[in-house]
Every structure is written in C-alpha cells, then in structure tokens.
C-alpha cells in the first residue's frame, strides 16, 4: 500500500509527517512524505526555527513522482497542516492529478484548523479554504471536536448535535468522517470519545482520558485509520487505530514525556496492549 502524506515535519519531537510516517511504515505501508514545513520543533514550544514551504515545492515534488510513474501506484493521500492558501491549492492540484492516474485513490483530509481551548491557529484564509475547498474534495475527513464545530458552523454539546454536524459535513462531500476527539454532555469526565460515520453506519469508541498534552496524536490517528480502512470496515478500522494510539499515549504518560514515545511504544501499532471495541450509535 502506497500512501502520499503531505504534512508538516519537525526535526525534534513528533508532528505531522514526523508523527504519522513511522507508524504507517510499522504496519506495512510504503509512505511518500512531502513536507509543507521543516521546523526544528512544533510551535507549541516557546521558540522554533525553520521555514514553511510554498505551493511550488509541493508541485515540484509531485511532478517528480509523476516522472517516476509513481502516481498510478498511489492508494491513498493524506493532507495535514496547510501553512497558506497557496499550499492548500497545491495540495488539491496534487489530489486532482493523482486521481487522473489512479482513479481509485482515497484522499483523507485532516482539516488542521484549531483546537478546543486554543481556537483557530492557522494563517488567515486557511480555515475558510479548508471548509470551502478541501473538505468538498475529500473522500475522508478527520476533524477534532473544535474543527467539527467550525466546519459545520454549530456548537456540538450533545451526541445528537455532534451527529447532526457529521451529517452536515457528509452533505459537503466526504463519504467518511472520523472525529478524532469528542466530549459531549454524554461523555464521562474521565473518558474521551472518537467516532466514525460512513455508509455502514455510525460508530463510537470510548477510552479513558489520559491527562497529557502532546502533539502528533491526531496525525497518527488519521494515518492509522486510513491504512486500516483499506482493509477492514470503518468500525474495525476505528477500533484498531484507537487501540494503538491509546497504547502510545499510555507509554508516553507513564514516562512523563512531553513528546510521544513512538519508537519505545512501536509494538502498540501491531499488537496493542489494550484492545477497544466500536459500538454502533
């Protein structure tokens, strides 16, 4: 399985491609990473160095892949952080070009816009571009709770309102919606929900809430779900991805680490310590 992953990259720690690529490789995927930024570390730290790339860089790399005849072998595309509207346009151009050579390719858009408690943190115009252009172009989207609300244009405090927001996003184009974090009035305070919706139904996995704050977990979750979704139904893909990321987060919490312990916890990607099941909702 060949997955093109167009995301940010950091040299230290894990975010974007530096979070998602290794887990995907560990479960047997060939990953072609294209970086939208090259930073020393993620921007949650007080300082960072490096630079964001323009859309021209993405187009150049895609052109090089086309010269190798690789685009016809691409099974899935993941896009993550977009530093500018220009980058977003280059990503969607890449998706359109790959679909010409590989009509069955699945495009999974992680609509990186913001988060609960932080609000919108992307550059001006990017959030609107994602909502108006990237989401309609995607087969699969993977918003967190804040992004679900932003894209649907409504606050979701109950499971019913969250499902209504999911329906609204389906109407925008994506056939599959993965919500990577969800806390509603029905969610116990010491737990967290994740849900997926596609033509087979709606399913939820609930796990204990781990009191840690690290970057990259959502990037891993999105990548693992996409890879598993090629092989198994949505409910099982959700359960497998959640079981793995919960194991990694548990290892990280036990170590008291501020960055994900991907290498130390790599067995979680193939043989999770805790196996969660999805329930229909």
Protein backbone atom coordinates (compact mmCIF):
# COMPACT_ATOMS: atom_id res chain seq x y z
CA UNK A 1 0.00 0.00 0.00
CA UNK A 2 1.40 3.39 -1.05
CA UNK A 3 0.35 6.50 0.86
CA UNK A 4 1.33 10.04 -0.09
CA UNK A 5 1.46 12.12 3.09
CA UNK A 6 1.55 15.90 2.60
CA UNK A 7 2.03 17.33 6.08
CA UNK A 8 4.30 19.41 8.29
CA UNK A 9 7.57 17.99 9.61
CA UNK A 10 9.68 18.66 12.68
CA UNK A 11 13.23 17.52 13.38
CA UNK A 12 12.70 17.21 17.14
CA UNK A 13 9.60 15.53 18.50
CA UNK A 14 6.58 14.43 16.54
CA UNK A 15 4.02 16.33 14.50
CA UNK A 16 2.65 15.89 11.01
CA UNK A 17 4.85 13.58 8.97
CA UNK A 18 7.31 13.09 11.81
CA UNK A 19 4.39 11.60 13.77
CA UNK A 20 2.49 9.71 11.06
CA UNK A 21 5.14 8.21 8.79
CA UNK A 22 6.80 5.73 11.16
CA UNK A 23 3.54 4.19 12.49
CA UNK A 24 2.31 3.72 8.93
CA UNK A 25 5.58 2.06 7.95
CA UNK A 26 5.43 -0.12 11.05
CA UNK A 27 2.12 -1.61 9.94
CA UNK A 28 3.40 -2.26 6.44
CA UNK A 29 2.63 0.84 4.38
CA UNK A 30 5.05 2.48 1.98
CA UNK A 31 4.82 6.20 2.74
CA UNK A 32 5.87 9.03 0.44
CA UNK A 33 6.25 12.08 2.73
CA UNK A 34 6.01 15.58 1.28
CA UNK A 35 6.68 18.30 3.85
CA UNK A 36 4.72 21.54 3.99
CA UNK A 37 7.12 22.94 6.62
CA UNK A 38 10.52 21.98 8.01
CA UNK A 39 10.76 23.18 11.61
CA UNK A 40 13.16 22.37 14.42
CA UNK A 41 10.22 21.52 16.68
CA UNK A 42 6.48 22.08 16.83
CA UNK A 43 5.19 25.57 17.52
CA UNK A 44 3.84 24.71 20.95
CA UNK A 45 7.33 25.40 22.28
CA UNK A 46 8.35 28.99 23.13
CA UNK A 47 10.66 29.11 20.08
CA UNK A 48 11.27 27.23 16.87
CA UNK A 49 13.43 27.55 13.78
CA UNK A 50 12.94 26.61 10.16
CA UNK A 51 10.62 27.63 7.40
CA UNK A 52 7.36 26.89 5.70
CA UNK A 53 7.41 25.84 2.05
CA UNK A 54 5.31 27.37 -0.70
CA UNK A 55 2.97 25.62 -3.05
CA UNK A 56 5.68 25.49 -5.70
CA UNK A 57 7.68 23.00 -3.65
CA UNK A 58 4.72 20.62 -3.43
CA UNK A 59 4.09 20.89 -7.17
CA UNK A 60 7.75 20.17 -7.90
CA UNK A 61 7.78 17.03 -5.79
CA UNK A 62 4.52 15.77 -7.31
CA UNK A 63 5.94 16.42 -10.77
CA UNK A 64 8.99 14.35 -9.84
CA UNK A 65 6.78 11.50 -8.66
CA UNK A 66 4.88 11.70 -11.94
CA UNK A 67 8.16 11.36 -13.84
CA UNK A 68 8.82 8.11 -11.98
CA UNK A 69 5.35 6.80 -12.89
CA UNK A 70 4.52 6.61 -9.19
CA UNK A 71 1.19 8.43 -9.22
CA UNK A 72 -0.63 5.46 -10.74
CA UNK A 73 0.59 3.35 -7.81
CA UNK A 74 -0.75 5.69 -5.12
CA UNK A 75 -3.53 4.20 -2.99
CA UNK A 76 -4.12 6.99 -0.51
CA UNK A 77 -3.36 10.66 0.09
CA UNK A 78 -3.24 12.38 3.47
CA UNK A 79 -3.06 16.14 3.85
CA UNK A 80 -2.47 17.88 7.15
CA UNK A 81 -1.27 21.32 8.17
CA UNK A 82 -1.54 23.93 5.41
CA UNK A 83 0.64 26.96 6.05
CA UNK A 84 -1.15 29.08 3.45
CA UNK A 85 -3.98 29.04 0.94
CA UNK A 86 -1.32 28.66 -1.76
CA UNK A 87 -0.18 25.40 -0.17
CA UNK A 88 -3.77 24.22 0.07
CA UNK A 89 -4.28 24.90 -3.62
CA UNK A 90 -1.14 22.93 -4.47
CA UNK A 91 -2.37 20.00 -2.38
CA UNK A 92 -5.74 19.92 -4.14
CA UNK A 93 -4.00 20.18 -7.52
CA UNK A 94 -1.90 17.16 -6.49
CA UNK A 95 -5.04 15.25 -5.50
CA UNK A 96 -6.68 16.03 -8.85
CA UNK A 97 -3.57 14.98 -10.75
CA UNK A 98 -3.23 11.71 -8.88
CA UNK A 99 -6.91 10.90 -9.38
CA UNK A 100 -6.30 11.09 -13.14
CA UNK A 101 -3.63 8.40 -12.93
CA UNK A 102 -5.15 6.43 -10.04
CA UNK A 103 -8.96 6.85 -10.08
CA UNK A 104 -9.44 4.64 -7.02
CA UNK A 105 -7.19 6.70 -4.75
CA UNK A 106 -8.67 7.86 -1.43
CA UNK A 107 -7.99 11.42 -0.28
CA UNK A 108 -8.07 11.88 3.50
CA UNK A 109 -8.01 15.50 4.66
CA UNK A 110 -7.04 16.20 8.25
CA UNK A 111 -8.56 19.71 8.44
CA UNK A 112 -5.98 21.28 10.76
CA UNK A 113 -7.67 24.50 11.86
CA UNK A 114 -7.55 24.76 15.64
CA UNK A 115 -8.43 23.06 18.89
CA UNK A 116 -10.60 23.43 21.97
CA UNK A 117 -9.02 26.00 24.26
CA UNK A 118 -6.79 27.42 21.51
CA UNK A 119 -9.29 28.43 18.86
CA UNK A 120 -8.22 28.89 15.25
CA UNK A 121 -4.43 28.87 14.93
CA UNK A 122 -3.84 28.69 11.17
CA UNK A 123 -2.99 31.62 8.89
CA UNK A 124 -5.68 33.97 7.63
CA UNK A 125 -7.87 32.39 4.96
CA UNK A 126 -6.69 28.81 5.53
CA UNK A 127 -9.65 27.73 7.68
CA UNK A 128 -12.11 29.06 5.12
CA UNK A 129 -10.17 27.40 2.28
CA UNK A 130 -10.35 24.07 4.06
CA UNK A 131 -14.09 24.39 4.63
CA UNK A 132 -14.94 25.62 1.14
CA UNK A 133 -12.48 23.65 -0.99
CA UNK A 134 -10.53 20.90 0.78
CA UNK A 135 -13.46 19.29 2.58
CA UNK A 136 -15.65 19.03 -0.55
CA UNK A 137 -12.71 17.48 -2.43
CA UNK A 138 -12.02 14.85 0.23
CA UNK A 139 -13.25 11.27 0.45
CA UNK A 140 -12.43 11.16 4.17
CA UNK A 141 -12.02 13.97 6.70
CA UNK A 142 -10.69 13.71 10.25
CA UNK A 143 -11.62 16.78 12.33
CA UNK A 144 -11.18 17.09 16.06
CA UNK A 145 -14.13 18.39 18.11
CA UNK A 146 -13.27 22.05 17.56
CA UNK A 147 -12.85 21.52 13.82
CA UNK A 148 -16.11 19.57 13.60
CA UNK A 149 -17.92 22.58 15.09
CA UNK A 150 -16.09 25.08 12.89
CA UNK A 151 -16.74 23.22 9.66
CA UNK A 152 -20.39 22.57 10.47
CA UNK A 153 -20.94 26.10 11.75
CA UNK A 154 -22.54 24.97 15.01
CA UNK A 155 -21.65 24.11 18.59
CA UNK A 156 -21.99 20.43 19.47
CA UNK A 157 -22.55 19.78 23.16
CA UNK A 158 -24.58 16.58 22.87
CA UNK A 159 -24.13 13.38 20.88
CA UNK A 160 -27.24 14.23 18.87
CA UNK A 161 -25.87 17.64 17.89
CA UNK A 162 -22.50 16.10 17.01
CA UNK A 163 -24.19 13.58 14.73
CA UNK A 164 -26.17 16.39 13.11
CA UNK A 165 -22.87 18.19 12.45
CA UNK A 166 -21.47 15.00 10.94
CA UNK A 167 -24.47 14.77 8.63
CA UNK A 168 -23.88 18.34 7.52
CA UNK A 169 -20.28 17.53 6.67
CA UNK A 170 -21.33 14.44 4.71
CA UNK A 171 -23.57 16.72 2.66
CA UNK A 172 -20.49 18.78 1.77
CA UNK A 173 -18.92 15.79 0.01
CA UNK A 174 -16.86 13.42 2.22
CA UNK A 175 -18.21 9.89 2.34
CA UNK A 176 -16.39 9.09 5.59
CA UNK A 177 -15.97 11.28 8.66
CA UNK A 178 -13.66 10.42 11.52
CA UNK A 179 -13.95 12.64 14.61
CA UNK A 180 -10.65 12.23 16.43
CA UNK A 181 -11.78 13.70 19.76
CA UNK A 182 -15.24 14.37 21.10
CA UNK A 183 -16.51 15.33 24.52
CA UNK A 184 -20.24 15.90 24.85
CA UNK A 185 -22.65 16.01 27.77
CA UNK A 186 -22.90 12.23 27.49
CA UNK A 187 -19.14 11.68 27.73
CA UNK A 188 -17.99 10.82 31.28
CA UNK A 189 -15.47 13.39 32.59
CA UNK A 190 -12.68 10.81 32.80
CA UNK A 191 -13.18 9.48 29.26
CA UNK A 192 -12.97 10.63 25.64
CA UNK A 193 -14.99 9.62 22.58
CA UNK A 194 -13.94 9.09 18.98
CA UNK A 195 -16.44 8.33 16.26
CA UNK A 196 -16.65 7.43 12.61
CA UNK A 197 -19.51 7.69 10.14
CA UNK A 198 -19.83 6.18 6.67
CA UNK A 199 -22.39 4.26 4.64
CA UNK A 200 -22.09 1.29 7.02
CA UNK A 201 -23.30 3.35 9.99
CA UNK A 202 -22.03 5.44 12.88
CA UNK A 203 -19.71 4.02 15.48
CA UNK A 204 -18.07 5.22 18.66
CA UNK A 205 -15.06 4.13 20.67
CA UNK A 206 -14.71 5.44 24.23
CA UNK A 207 -11.40 5.30 26.09
CA UNK A 208 -10.11 6.57 29.42
CA UNK A 209 -8.93 10.17 29.35
CA UNK A 210 -5.16 10.43 29.73
CA UNK A 211 -4.03 13.68 31.40
CA UNK A 212 -1.24 14.54 28.97
CA UNK A 213 -0.81 17.18 26.29
CA UNK A 214 1.37 16.17 23.36
CA UNK A 215 1.45 16.96 19.65
CA UNK A 216 1.04 14.40 16.90
CA UNK A 217 -1.57 12.03 18.31
CA UNK A 218 -4.24 13.20 15.87
CA UNK A 219 -1.82 12.87 12.95
CA UNK A 220 -1.11 9.27 13.91
CA UNK A 221 -4.78 8.52 14.44
CA UNK A 222 -5.70 9.80 10.99
CA UNK A 223 -2.95 7.85 9.26
CA UNK A 224 -3.65 4.60 11.05
CA UNK A 225 -7.38 4.86 10.41
CA UNK A 226 -6.83 5.40 6.69
CA UNK A 227 -4.46 2.44 6.44
CA UNK A 228 -6.77 0.10 8.35
CA UNK A 229 -9.80 1.36 6.43
CA UNK A 230 -8.34 -0.03 3.21
CA UNK A 231 -8.54 -3.50 4.76
CA UNK A 232 -11.49 -3.57 7.17
CA UNK A 233 -14.85 -1.81 7.72
CA UNK A 234 -14.96 1.62 9.36
CA UNK A 235 -15.90 0.37 12.84
CA UNK A 236 -12.99 -2.05 12.97
CA UNK A 237 -10.58 0.49 11.46
CA UNK A 238 -11.58 2.96 14.18
CA UNK A 239 -11.14 0.39 16.94
CA UNK A 240 -7.72 -0.71 15.69
CA UNK A 241 -6.43 2.84 15.32
CA UNK A 242 -7.75 3.91 18.73
CA UNK A 243 -6.26 0.87 20.44
CA UNK A 244 -2.84 1.69 19.01
CA UNK A 245 -2.84 5.40 19.79
CA UNK A 246 -4.12 4.76 23.32
CA UNK A 247 -1.19 2.42 23.88
CA UNK A 248 1.29 5.03 22.65
CA UNK A 249 -0.27 7.73 24.81
CA UNK A 250 -0.19 5.43 27.83
CA UNK A 251 3.52 4.75 27.33
CA UNK A 252 4.13 8.46 26.97
CA UNK A 253 2.16 9.31 30.11
CA UNK A 254 3.92 6.62 32.15
CA UNK A 255 7.28 8.02 31.05
CA UNK A 256 6.25 11.56 31.97
CA UNK A 257 7.40 12.61 28.50
CA UNK A 258 6.43 15.77 26.66
CA UNK A 259 6.84 14.12 23.24
CA UNK A 260 5.25 10.90 22.02
CA UNK A 261 7.34 7.78 22.66
CA UNK A 262 6.82 6.33 19.19
CA UNK A 263 9.89 4.14 18.98
CA UNK A 264 9.62 2.87 22.54
CA UNK A 265 5.94 2.04 22.06
CA UNK A 266 6.09 0.80 18.47
CA UNK A 267 4.71 -2.65 19.31
CA UNK A 268 1.40 -0.88 20.03
CA UNK A 269 0.93 -0.33 16.30
CA UNK A 270 0.92 -4.06 15.54
CA UNK A 271 -0.11 -5.61 18.87
CA UNK A 272 -1.92 -3.10 21.12
CA UNK A 273 -1.81 -3.68 24.87
CA UNK A 274 -5.43 -2.56 25.25
CA UNK A 275 -8.00 -3.51 22.63
CA UNK A 276 -11.08 -1.33 22.39
CA UNK A 277 -14.28 -2.14 20.51
CA UNK A 278 -16.53 0.13 18.50
CA UNK A 279 -20.23 0.38 19.30
CA UNK A 280 -22.95 1.43 16.91
CA UNK A 281 -24.66 4.72 17.82
